[in-house]
């Protein structure tokens, strides 16, 4: 396997720009090459085969790690955990199941980074209160839905909207926003004399990394799991989630309450429980694909 200590040292010496530049030098594998290497490692434990599989997917691990940057932890630590998740995936990967390694590995990488974040935050007793947990997991998602990215601050009006949406105080929203806004933007230039961003460093000049790692296959899998999860809901739950998240313009809780002849709060409760059902269903099915 790739020496993670050497990777960490590389990051420490040159920072993120140098690290991304170095891992960008490793060639991507064609499907046939990936299959043969994975087969060789799976059957014989060939360390060199594992090394090639690892290095060819370091960009994927870095990409996932950077997507978690808004949780306020050191990006070097997130990347290290992502690399550990990648190597765990390679150890478990069975090429004969029909998926590309990237599709399989991304679940392991995200799980490793998520677990690290939760442990890190619990150490400083942040996110232990129910309202803070709700904010921790949902603030970034809501900001993205509102078109607010990176270090874009919250206006009083936006903070008020988020507080009502998550049923928390406006003060809690602002405090959590401050905690999560410590990292630089993914699209920020690497240096004052360069227009190159972190995100661009993860892509090849000919094709984007998403195309090369079979991102379409992962997207198809996610759509399949989501469709199956939604099919398990009641008609009312499907209606609420469809109007709230799957339509071009989200329907308000008040309008849905009037349509279904229930209170706004009852709509919110059903929505929350339905989302949790979908999350658990997708997680369960994804774990079966990964571990069985």
C-alpha atoms as a PDB file:
ATOM      1  CA  UNK A   1       0.000   0.000   0.000  1.00  0.00           C
ATOM      2  CA  UNK A   2       1.023   3.637  -0.395  1.00  0.00           C
ATOM      3  CA  UNK A   3       2.923   4.993   2.623  1.00  0.00           C
ATOM      4  CA  UNK A   4       0.469   7.410   4.238  1.00  0.00           C
ATOM      5  CA  UNK A   5       3.224   8.845   6.439  1.00  0.00           C
ATOM      6  CA  UNK A   6       5.123   9.900   3.317  1.00  0.00           C
ATOM      7  CA  UNK A   7       1.972  11.512   1.939  1.00  0.00           C
ATOM      8  CA  UNK A   8       1.440  13.378   5.203  1.00  0.00           C
ATOM      9  CA  UNK A   9       5.044  14.574   5.139  1.00  0.00           C
ATOM     10  CA  UNK A  10       4.601  15.787   1.571  1.00  0.00           C
ATOM     11  CA  UNK A  11       1.549  17.794   2.637  1.00  0.00           C
ATOM     12  CA  UNK A  12       3.369  19.218   5.657  1.00  0.00           C
ATOM     13  CA  UNK A  13       6.329  20.363   3.557  1.00  0.00           C
ATOM     14  CA  UNK A  14       4.495  21.918   0.646  1.00  0.00           C
ATOM     15  CA  UNK A  15       0.888  22.272   1.703  1.00  0.00           C
ATOM     16  CA  UNK A  16      -2.162  21.441  -0.370  1.00  0.00           C
ATOM     17  CA  UNK A  17      -0.913  22.883  -3.699  1.00  0.00           C
ATOM     18  CA  UNK A  18       2.168  20.660  -3.749  1.00  0.00           C
ATOM     19  CA  UNK A  19       0.244  17.618  -2.571  1.00  0.00           C
ATOM     20  CA  UNK A  20      -2.379  17.998  -5.299  1.00  0.00           C
ATOM     21  CA  UNK A  21       0.291  18.613  -7.906  1.00  0.00           C
ATOM     22  CA  UNK A  22       2.112  15.422  -6.890  1.00  0.00           C
ATOM     23  CA  UNK A  23      -0.904  13.109  -6.788  1.00  0.00           C
ATOM     24  CA  UNK A  24      -2.043  14.546 -10.121  1.00  0.00           C
ATOM     25  CA  UNK A  25       1.054  12.938 -11.663  1.00  0.00           C
ATOM     26  CA  UNK A  26      -0.166   9.411 -10.966  1.00  0.00           C
ATOM     27  CA  UNK A  27      -1.855   7.933 -14.061  1.00  0.00           C
ATOM     28  CA  UNK A  28      -5.523   7.013 -14.068  1.00  0.00           C
ATOM     29  CA  UNK A  29      -6.276   3.373 -14.789  1.00  0.00           C
ATOM     30  CA  UNK A  30      -8.393   2.050 -17.615  1.00  0.00           C
ATOM     31  CA  UNK A  31     -11.138  -0.372 -16.630  1.00  0.00           C
ATOM     32  CA  UNK A  32      -9.164  -3.385 -17.870  1.00  0.00           C
ATOM     33  CA  UNK A  33      -6.006  -2.332 -16.018  1.00  0.00           C
ATOM     34  CA  UNK A  34      -7.948  -1.696 -12.828  1.00  0.00           C
ATOM     35  CA  UNK A  35      -9.630  -5.092 -13.031  1.00  0.00           C
ATOM     36  CA  UNK A  36      -6.368  -6.991 -13.517  1.00  0.00           C
ATOM     37  CA  UNK A  37      -4.614  -5.151 -10.683  1.00  0.00           C
ATOM     38  CA  UNK A  38      -7.561  -5.621  -8.323  1.00  0.00           C
ATOM     39  CA  UNK A  39      -7.786  -9.284  -9.281  1.00  0.00           C
ATOM     40  CA  UNK A  40      -4.079  -9.787  -8.639  1.00  0.00           C
ATOM     41  CA  UNK A  41      -4.237  -8.086  -5.228  1.00  0.00           C
ATOM     42  CA  UNK A  42      -7.466  -9.868  -4.285  1.00  0.00           C
ATOM     43  CA  UNK A  43      -6.005 -13.295  -5.100  1.00  0.00           C
ATOM     44  CA  UNK A  44      -2.304 -12.947  -4.268  1.00  0.00           C
ATOM     45  CA  UNK A  45      -1.952  -9.888  -2.028  1.00  0.00           C
ATOM     46  CA  UNK A  46       0.432  -8.246  -4.494  1.00  0.00           C
ATOM     47  CA  UNK A  47       1.541  -5.045  -2.750  1.00  0.00           C
ATOM     48  CA  UNK A  48       2.625  -3.367  -5.999  1.00  0.00           C
ATOM     49  CA  UNK A  49      -0.838  -3.899  -7.468  1.00  0.00           C
ATOM     50  CA  UNK A  50      -2.381  -2.326  -4.352  1.00  0.00           C
ATOM     51  CA  UNK A  51       0.041   0.585  -4.662  1.00  0.00           C
ATOM     52  CA  UNK A  52      -1.053   1.299  -8.240  1.00  0.00           C
ATOM     53  CA  UNK A  53      -4.729   1.062  -7.296  1.00  0.00           C
ATOM     54  CA  UNK A  54      -4.162   3.460  -4.413  1.00  0.00           C
ATOM     55  CA  UNK A  55      -2.140   6.098  -6.225  1.00  0.00           C
ATOM     56  CA  UNK A  56      -4.552   6.161  -9.168  1.00  0.00           C
ATOM     57  CA  UNK A  57      -7.397   7.046  -6.782  1.00  0.00           C
ATOM     58  CA  UNK A  58      -5.677   9.583  -4.509  1.00  0.00           C
ATOM     59  CA  UNK A  59      -7.373  12.391  -6.440  1.00  0.00           C
ATOM     60  CA  UNK A  60     -10.742  10.878  -5.611  1.00  0.00           C
ATOM     61  CA  UNK A  61      -9.841  10.704  -1.917  1.00  0.00           C
ATOM     62  CA  UNK A  62      -8.646  14.325  -1.951  1.00  0.00           C
ATOM     63  CA  UNK A  63     -11.787  15.445  -3.771  1.00  0.00           C
ATOM     64  CA  UNK A  64     -14.006  13.809  -1.150  1.00  0.00           C
ATOM     65  CA  UNK A  65     -11.914  15.189   1.722  1.00  0.00           C
ATOM     66  CA  UNK A  66     -12.108  18.734   0.350  1.00  0.00           C
ATOM     67  CA  UNK A  67     -15.902  18.420   0.093  1.00  0.00           C
ATOM     68  CA  UNK A  68     -15.941  18.089   3.914  1.00  0.00           C
ATOM     69  CA  UNK A  69     -13.781  21.195   4.468  1.00  0.00           C
ATOM     70  CA  UNK A  70     -16.688  23.257   5.836  1.00  0.00           C
ATOM     71  CA  UNK A  71     -16.688  21.283   9.113  1.00  0.00           C
ATOM     72  CA  UNK A  72     -13.795  23.366  10.406  1.00  0.00           C
ATOM     73  CA  UNK A  73     -11.080  20.682  10.663  1.00  0.00           C
ATOM     74  CA  UNK A  74      -7.583  20.710   9.178  1.00  0.00           C
ATOM     75  CA  UNK A  75      -7.712  19.710   5.530  1.00  0.00           C
ATOM     76  CA  UNK A  76      -4.514  17.673   5.921  1.00  0.00           C
ATOM     77  CA  UNK A  77      -6.255  15.505   8.549  1.00  0.00           C
ATOM     78  CA  UNK A  78      -9.321  15.057   6.348  1.00  0.00           C
ATOM     79  CA  UNK A  79      -7.147  13.959   3.424  1.00  0.00           C
ATOM     80  CA  UNK A  80      -5.251  11.505   5.633  1.00  0.00           C
ATOM     81  CA  UNK A  81      -8.516   9.940   6.789  1.00  0.00           C
ATOM     82  CA  UNK A  82      -9.790   9.827   3.213  1.00  0.00           C
ATOM     83  CA  UNK A  83      -6.634   7.963   2.164  1.00  0.00           C
ATOM     84  CA  UNK A  84      -7.145   5.463   4.979  1.00  0.00           C
ATOM     85  CA  UNK A  85     -10.717   4.916   3.796  1.00  0.00           C
ATOM     86  CA  UNK A  86      -9.430   4.406   0.251  1.00  0.00           C
ATOM     87  CA  UNK A  87      -6.973   1.736   1.354  1.00  0.00           C
ATOM     88  CA  UNK A  88      -9.649  -0.025   3.386  1.00  0.00           C
ATOM     89  CA  UNK A  89     -11.817  -0.092   0.267  1.00  0.00           C
ATOM     90  CA  UNK A  90      -9.025  -1.583  -1.817  1.00  0.00           C
ATOM     91  CA  UNK A  91      -8.536  -4.361   0.738  1.00  0.00           C
ATOM     92  CA  UNK A  92     -12.241  -5.246   0.535  1.00  0.00           C
ATOM     93  CA  UNK A  93     -12.825  -4.609  -3.165  1.00  0.00           C
ATOM     94  CA  UNK A  94     -13.957  -7.568  -5.278  1.00  0.00           C
ATOM     95  CA  UNK A  95     -13.565  -6.707  -9.003  1.00  0.00           C
ATOM     96  CA  UNK A  96     -15.866  -9.545 -10.042  1.00  0.00           C
ATOM     97  CA  UNK A  97     -18.925  -7.800  -8.581  1.00  0.00           C
ATOM     98  CA  UNK A  98     -19.067  -5.547 -11.646  1.00  0.00           C
ATOM     99  CA  UNK A  99     -18.436  -2.088 -10.142  1.00  0.00           C
ATOM    100  CA  UNK A 100     -15.462   0.174 -10.756  1.00  0.00           C
ATOM    101  CA  UNK A 101     -13.233   0.703  -7.739  1.00  0.00           C
ATOM    102  CA  UNK A 102     -14.134   4.402  -7.523  1.00  0.00           C
ATOM    103  CA  UNK A 103     -17.847   3.617  -7.187  1.00  0.00           C
ATOM    104  CA  UNK A 104     -17.094   1.183  -4.372  1.00  0.00           C
ATOM    105  CA  UNK A 105     -14.361   3.203  -2.660  1.00  0.00           C
ATOM    106  CA  UNK A 106     -16.281   6.443  -2.363  1.00  0.00           C
ATOM    107  CA  UNK A 107     -18.546   4.905   0.313  1.00  0.00           C
ATOM    108  CA  UNK A 108     -15.525   3.851   2.377  1.00  0.00           C
ATOM    109  CA  UNK A 109     -13.803   7.210   1.941  1.00  0.00           C
ATOM    110  CA  UNK A 110     -16.858   9.198   2.992  1.00  0.00           C
ATOM    111  CA  UNK A 111     -17.438   6.873   5.949  1.00  0.00           C
ATOM    112  CA  UNK A 112     -13.839   7.272   7.157  1.00  0.00           C
ATOM    113  CA  UNK A 113     -13.929  11.066   6.895  1.00  0.00           C
ATOM    114  CA  UNK A 114     -17.386  11.322   8.483  1.00  0.00           C
ATOM    115  CA  UNK A 115     -16.351   9.151  11.427  1.00  0.00           C
ATOM    116  CA  UNK A 116     -13.224  11.249  11.935  1.00  0.00           C
ATOM    117  CA  UNK A 117     -15.261  14.473  11.905  1.00  0.00           C
ATOM    118  CA  UNK A 118     -17.758  13.175  14.444  1.00  0.00           C
ATOM    119  CA  UNK A 119     -15.009  11.952  16.763  1.00  0.00           C
ATOM    120  CA  UNK A 120     -13.107  15.228  16.447  1.00  0.00           C
ATOM    121  CA  UNK A 121     -16.155  17.346  17.164  1.00  0.00           C
ATOM    122  CA  UNK A 122     -17.216  15.199  20.100  1.00  0.00           C
ATOM    123  CA  UNK A 123     -13.800  15.710  21.673  1.00  0.00           C
ATOM    124  CA  UNK A 124     -14.513  19.402  22.034  1.00  0.00           C
ATOM    125  CA  UNK A 125     -18.145  18.722  22.934  1.00  0.00           C
ATOM    126  CA  UNK A 126     -19.514  20.449  19.867  1.00  0.00           C
ATOM    127  CA  UNK A 127     -22.581  19.005  18.234  1.00  0.00           C
ATOM    128  CA  UNK A 128     -23.715  17.007  21.269  1.00  0.00           C
ATOM    129  CA  UNK A 129     -26.892  18.989  21.800  1.00  0.00           C
ATOM    130  CA  UNK A 130     -29.761  18.021  19.496  1.00  0.00           C
ATOM    131  CA  UNK A 131     -30.091  21.488  17.974  1.00  0.00           C
ATOM    132  CA  UNK A 132     -26.360  21.700  17.316  1.00  0.00           C
ATOM    133  CA  UNK A 133     -26.341  18.282  15.688  1.00  0.00           C
ATOM    134  CA  UNK A 134     -29.178  19.372  13.440  1.00  0.00           C
ATOM    135  CA  UNK A 135     -27.253  22.488  12.472  1.00  0.00           C
ATOM    136  CA  UNK A 136     -23.979  20.593  12.064  1.00  0.00           C
ATOM    137  CA  UNK A 137     -25.465  18.230   9.498  1.00  0.00           C
ATOM    138  CA  UNK A 138     -27.823  20.607   7.672  1.00  0.00           C
ATOM    139  CA  UNK A 139     -26.444  24.153   7.660  1.00  0.00           C
ATOM    140  CA  UNK A 140     -24.113  23.629   4.705  1.00  0.00           C
ATOM    141  CA  UNK A 141     -26.829  21.814   2.724  1.00  0.00           C
ATOM    142  CA  UNK A 142     -29.319  24.623   3.217  1.00  0.00           C
ATOM    143  CA  UNK A 143     -26.716  27.250   2.303  1.00  0.00           C
ATOM    144  CA  UNK A 144     -25.947  25.354  -0.901  1.00  0.00           C
ATOM    145  CA  UNK A 145     -29.653  25.134  -1.709  1.00  0.00           C
ATOM    146  CA  UNK A 146     -29.860  28.901  -1.273  1.00  0.00           C
ATOM    147  CA  UNK A 147     -26.844  29.436  -3.544  1.00  0.00           C
ATOM    148  CA  UNK A 148     -24.489  30.418  -0.701  1.00  0.00           C
ATOM    149  CA  UNK A 149     -21.082  28.778  -1.061  1.00  0.00           C
ATOM    150  CA  UNK A 150     -17.664  28.918   0.559  1.00  0.00           C
ATOM    151  CA  UNK A 151     -17.220  31.746   3.000  1.00  0.00           C
ATOM    152  CA  UNK A 152     -20.378  33.592   1.971  1.00  0.00           C
ATOM    153  CA  UNK A 153     -21.767  35.026   5.177  1.00  0.00           C
ATOM    154  CA  UNK A 154     -25.332  34.868   6.394  1.00  0.00           C
ATOM    155  CA  UNK A 155     -27.582  37.892   6.340  1.00  0.00           C
ATOM    156  CA  UNK A 156     -30.045  38.382   9.186  1.00  0.00           C
ATOM    157  CA  UNK A 157     -32.869  37.384   6.868  1.00  0.00           C
ATOM    158  CA  UNK A 158     -31.114  34.173   5.768  1.00  0.00           C
ATOM    159  CA  UNK A 159     -30.185  33.253   9.327  1.00  0.00           C
ATOM    160  CA  UNK A 160     -33.799  33.775  10.343  1.00  0.00           C
ATOM    161  CA  UNK A 161     -34.995  31.535   7.493  1.00  0.00           C
ATOM    162  CA  UNK A 162     -32.564  28.766   8.456  1.00  0.00           C
ATOM    163  CA  UNK A 163     -33.512  29.003  12.118  1.00  0.00           C
ATOM    164  CA  UNK A 164     -37.176  28.508  11.246  1.00  0.00           C
ATOM    165  CA  UNK A 165     -36.435  25.718   8.779  1.00  0.00           C
ATOM    166  CA  UNK A 166     -34.407  23.732  11.332  1.00  0.00           C
ATOM    167  CA  UNK A 167     -36.443  24.851  14.341  1.00  0.00           C
ATOM    168  CA  UNK A 168     -33.432  26.279  16.160  1.00  0.00           C
ATOM    169  CA  UNK A 169     -32.583  29.739  17.438  1.00  0.00           C
ATOM    170  CA  UNK A 170     -31.084  32.372  15.171  1.00  0.00           C
ATOM    171  CA  UNK A 171     -28.180  32.692  17.616  1.00  0.00           C
ATOM    172  CA  UNK A 172     -27.390  28.970  17.252  1.00  0.00           C
ATOM    173  CA  UNK A 173     -27.371  29.381  13.471  1.00  0.00           C
ATOM    174  CA  UNK A 174     -24.898  32.258  13.604  1.00  0.00           C
ATOM    175  CA  UNK A 175     -22.623  30.477  16.101  1.00  0.00           C
ATOM    176  CA  UNK A 176     -22.512  27.307  14.018  1.00  0.00           C
ATOM    177  CA  UNK A 177     -21.838  29.365  10.884  1.00  0.00           C
ATOM    178  CA  UNK A 178     -18.803  30.889  12.602  1.00  0.00           C
ATOM    179  CA  UNK A 179     -17.520  27.463  13.667  1.00  0.00           C
ATOM    180  CA  UNK A 180     -17.827  26.021  10.179  1.00  0.00           C
ATOM    181  CA  UNK A 181     -16.389  28.942   8.247  1.00  0.00           C
ATOM    182  CA  UNK A 182     -12.743  28.477   9.156  1.00  0.00           C
ATOM    183  CA  UNK A 183     -11.505  26.807   5.957  1.00  0.00           C
ATOM    184  CA  UNK A 184     -10.662  28.545   2.702  1.00  0.00           C
ATOM    185  CA  UNK A 185     -12.838  28.095  -0.331  1.00  0.00           C
ATOM    186  CA  UNK A 186     -12.270  25.181  -2.683  1.00  0.00           C
ATOM    187  CA  UNK A 187     -12.285  27.644  -5.552  1.00  0.00           C
ATOM    188  CA  UNK A 188      -9.764  30.017  -3.957  1.00  0.00           C
ATOM    189  CA  UNK A 189      -6.529  30.505  -5.957  1.00  0.00           C
ATOM    190  CA  UNK A 190      -3.537  28.455  -4.820  1.00  0.00           C
ATOM    191  CA  UNK A 191      -1.295  31.520  -4.800  1.00  0.00           C
ATOM    192  CA  UNK A 192      -1.617  35.253  -5.300  1.00  0.00           C
ATOM    193  CA  UNK A 193       0.005  34.984  -8.742  1.00  0.00           C
ATOM    194  CA  UNK A 194      -2.032  32.005  -9.899  1.00  0.00           C
ATOM    195  CA  UNK A 195      -5.572  31.678 -11.101  1.00  0.00           C
ATOM    196  CA  UNK A 196      -5.542  27.907 -10.496  1.00  0.00           C
ATOM    197  CA  UNK A 197      -7.952  26.674  -7.842  1.00  0.00           C
ATOM    198  CA  UNK A 198      -7.892  23.624  -5.582  1.00  0.00           C
ATOM    199  CA  UNK A 199     -10.719  22.111  -7.593  1.00  0.00           C
ATOM    200  CA  UNK A 200      -8.911  22.534 -10.890  1.00  0.00           C
ATOM    201  CA  UNK A 201      -5.841  20.776  -9.481  1.00  0.00           C
ATOM    202  CA  UNK A 202      -7.922  17.627  -9.118  1.00  0.00           C
ATOM    203  CA  UNK A 203      -8.736  17.451 -12.830  1.00  0.00           C
ATOM    204  CA  UNK A 204      -6.792  16.288 -15.846  1.00  0.00           C
ATOM    205  CA  UNK A 205      -6.343  18.608 -18.818  1.00  0.00           C
ATOM    206  CA  UNK A 206      -8.255  16.260 -21.121  1.00  0.00           C
ATOM    207  CA  UNK A 207     -11.048  14.854 -18.974  1.00  0.00           C
ATOM    208  CA  UNK A 208     -12.441  15.686 -15.585  1.00  0.00           C
ATOM    209  CA  UNK A 209     -11.676  13.242 -12.809  1.00  0.00           C
ATOM    210  CA  UNK A 210     -15.383  12.493 -12.504  1.00  0.00           C
ATOM    211  CA  UNK A 211     -15.419  11.171 -16.061  1.00  0.00           C
ATOM    212  CA  UNK A 212     -12.316   9.088 -15.535  1.00  0.00           C
ATOM    213  CA  UNK A 213     -13.436   7.382 -12.322  1.00  0.00           C
ATOM    214  CA  UNK A 214     -16.812   6.480 -13.693  1.00  0.00           C
ATOM    215  CA  UNK A 215     -18.789   9.124 -11.820  1.00  0.00           C
ATOM    216  CA  UNK A 216     -21.780   8.436 -14.037  1.00  0.00           C
ATOM    217  CA  UNK A 217     -21.899   4.910 -12.685  1.00  0.00           C
ATOM    218  CA  UNK A 218     -21.922   6.230  -9.126  1.00  0.00           C
ATOM    219  CA  UNK A 219     -24.665   8.709 -10.003  1.00  0.00           C
ATOM    220  CA  UNK A 220     -26.763   5.931 -11.524  1.00  0.00           C
ATOM    221  CA  UNK A 221     -26.312   3.878  -8.376  1.00  0.00           C
ATOM    222  CA  UNK A 222     -27.353   6.783  -6.158  1.00  0.00           C
ATOM    223  CA  UNK A 223     -30.439   7.394  -8.274  1.00  0.00           C
ATOM    224  CA  UNK A 224     -31.345   3.715  -8.054  1.00  0.00           C
ATOM    225  CA  UNK A 225     -30.962   3.650  -4.263  1.00  0.00           C
ATOM    226  CA  UNK A 226     -32.967   6.873  -3.894  1.00  0.00           C
ATOM    227  CA  UNK A 227     -35.771   5.567  -6.121  1.00  0.00           C
ATOM    228  CA  UNK A 228     -35.988   2.360  -4.091  1.00  0.00           C
ATOM    229  CA  UNK A 229     -35.963   4.281  -0.808  1.00  0.00           C
ATOM    230  CA  UNK A 230     -38.744   6.628  -1.939  1.00  0.00           C
ATOM    231  CA  UNK A 231     -40.857   3.668  -3.067  1.00  0.00           C
ATOM    232  CA  UNK A 232     -40.861   2.432   0.541  1.00  0.00           C
ATOM    233  CA  UNK A 233     -42.608   5.601   1.764  1.00  0.00           C
ATOM    234  CA  UNK A 234     -46.332   6.193   2.061  1.00  0.00           C
ATOM    235  CA  UNK A 235     -48.115   8.312  -0.551  1.00  0.00           C
ATOM    236  CA  UNK A 236     -48.293  11.256   1.824  1.00  0.00           C
ATOM    237  CA  UNK A 237     -44.578  11.010   2.641  1.00  0.00           C
ATOM    238  CA  UNK A 238     -43.731  10.794  -1.061  1.00  0.00           C
ATOM    239  CA  UNK A 239     -45.906  13.813  -1.775  1.00  0.00           C
ATOM    240  CA  UNK A 240     -44.237  15.905   0.921  1.00  0.00           C
ATOM    241  CA  UNK A 241     -40.670  15.024  -0.057  1.00  0.00           C
ATOM    242  CA  UNK A 242     -41.477  15.431  -3.723  1.00  0.00           C
ATOM    243  CA  UNK A 243     -42.841  18.936  -3.190  1.00  0.00           C
ATOM    244  CA  UNK A 244     -40.105  19.941  -0.761  1.00  0.00           C
ATOM    245  CA  UNK A 245     -37.005  18.540  -2.459  1.00  0.00           C
ATOM    246  CA  UNK A 246     -37.717  17.086  -5.896  1.00  0.00           C
ATOM    247  CA  UNK A 247     -39.560  19.943  -7.555  1.00  0.00           C
ATOM    248  CA  UNK A 248     -38.009  22.984  -9.197  1.00  0.00           C
ATOM    249  CA  UNK A 249     -39.424  25.276  -6.532  1.00  0.00           C
ATOM    250  CA  UNK A 250     -39.912  23.934  -3.012  1.00  0.00           C
ATOM    251  CA  UNK A 251     -43.467  24.095  -1.665  1.00  0.00           C
ATOM    252  CA  UNK A 252     -43.787  25.750   1.743  1.00  0.00           C
ATOM    253  CA  UNK A 253     -44.838  23.810   4.827  1.00  0.00           C
ATOM    254  CA  UNK A 254     -47.893  26.046   5.092  1.00  0.00           C
ATOM    255  CA  UNK A 255     -49.063  25.292   1.544  1.00  0.00           C
ATOM    256  CA  UNK A 256     -48.567  21.566   2.013  1.00  0.00           C
ATOM    257  CA  UNK A 257     -50.416  21.707   5.307  1.00  0.00           C
ATOM    258  CA  UNK A 258     -53.375  23.363   3.614  1.00  0.00           C
ATOM    259  CA  UNK A 259     -53.330  20.802   0.785  1.00  0.00           C
ATOM    260  CA  UNK A 260     -53.170  17.808   3.142  1.00  0.00           C
ATOM    261  CA  UNK A 261     -55.457  19.367   5.748  1.00  0.00           C
ATOM    262  CA  UNK A 262     -52.874  19.129   8.525  1.00  0.00           C
ATOM    263  CA  UNK A 263     -50.827  21.683  10.461  1.00  0.00           C
ATOM    264  CA  UNK A 264     -47.532  23.149   9.330  1.00  0.00           C
ATOM    265  CA  UNK A 265     -45.793  21.468  12.253  1.00  0.00           C
ATOM    266  CA  UNK A 266     -47.290  18.099  11.354  1.00  0.00           C
ATOM    267  CA  UNK A 267     -45.954  18.457   7.791  1.00  0.00           C
ATOM    268  CA  UNK A 268     -42.514  19.219   9.203  1.00  0.00           C
ATOM    269  CA  UNK A 269     -42.660  16.144  11.449  1.00  0.00           C
ATOM    270  CA  UNK A 270     -43.651  13.876   8.563  1.00  0.00           C
ATOM    271  CA  UNK A 271     -40.940  15.400   6.386  1.00  0.00           C
ATOM    272  CA  UNK A 272     -38.271  14.806   9.053  1.00  0.00           C
ATOM    273  CA  UNK A 273     -39.302  11.193   9.614  1.00  0.00           C
ATOM    274  CA  UNK A 274     -39.534  10.514   5.879  1.00  0.00           C
ATOM    275  CA  UNK A 275     -36.056  11.924   5.289  1.00  0.00           C
ATOM    276  CA  UNK A 276     -34.708   9.715   8.052  1.00  0.00           C
ATOM    277  CA  UNK A 277     -36.390   6.668   6.490  1.00  0.00           C
ATOM    278  CA  UNK A 278     -34.824   7.488   3.123  1.00  0.00           C
ATOM    279  CA  UNK A 279     -31.414   8.044   4.691  1.00  0.00           C
ATOM    280  CA  UNK A 280     -31.494   4.738   6.578  1.00  0.00           C
ATOM    281  CA  UNK A 281     -32.748   2.842   3.537  1.00  0.00           C
ATOM    282  CA  UNK A 282     -29.995   4.212   1.277  1.00  0.00           C
ATOM    283  CA  UNK A 283     -27.343   3.654   3.923  1.00  0.00           C
ATOM    284  CA  UNK A 284     -28.472   0.072   4.483  1.00  0.00           C
ATOM    285  CA  UNK A 285     -28.521  -0.774   0.783  1.00  0.00           C
ATOM    286  CA  UNK A 286     -25.151   0.944   0.197  1.00  0.00           C
ATOM    287  CA  UNK A 287     -23.560  -0.990   3.053  1.00  0.00           C
ATOM    288  CA  UNK A 288     -24.838  -4.255   1.624  1.00  0.00           C
ATOM    289  CA  UNK A 289     -23.264  -3.404  -1.720  1.00  0.00           C
ATOM    290  CA  UNK A 290     -19.996  -2.518  -0.019  1.00  0.00           C
ATOM    291  CA  UNK A 291     -19.647  -5.246   2.557  1.00  0.00           C
ATOM    292  CA  UNK A 292     -21.445  -8.286   1.169  1.00  0.00           C
END
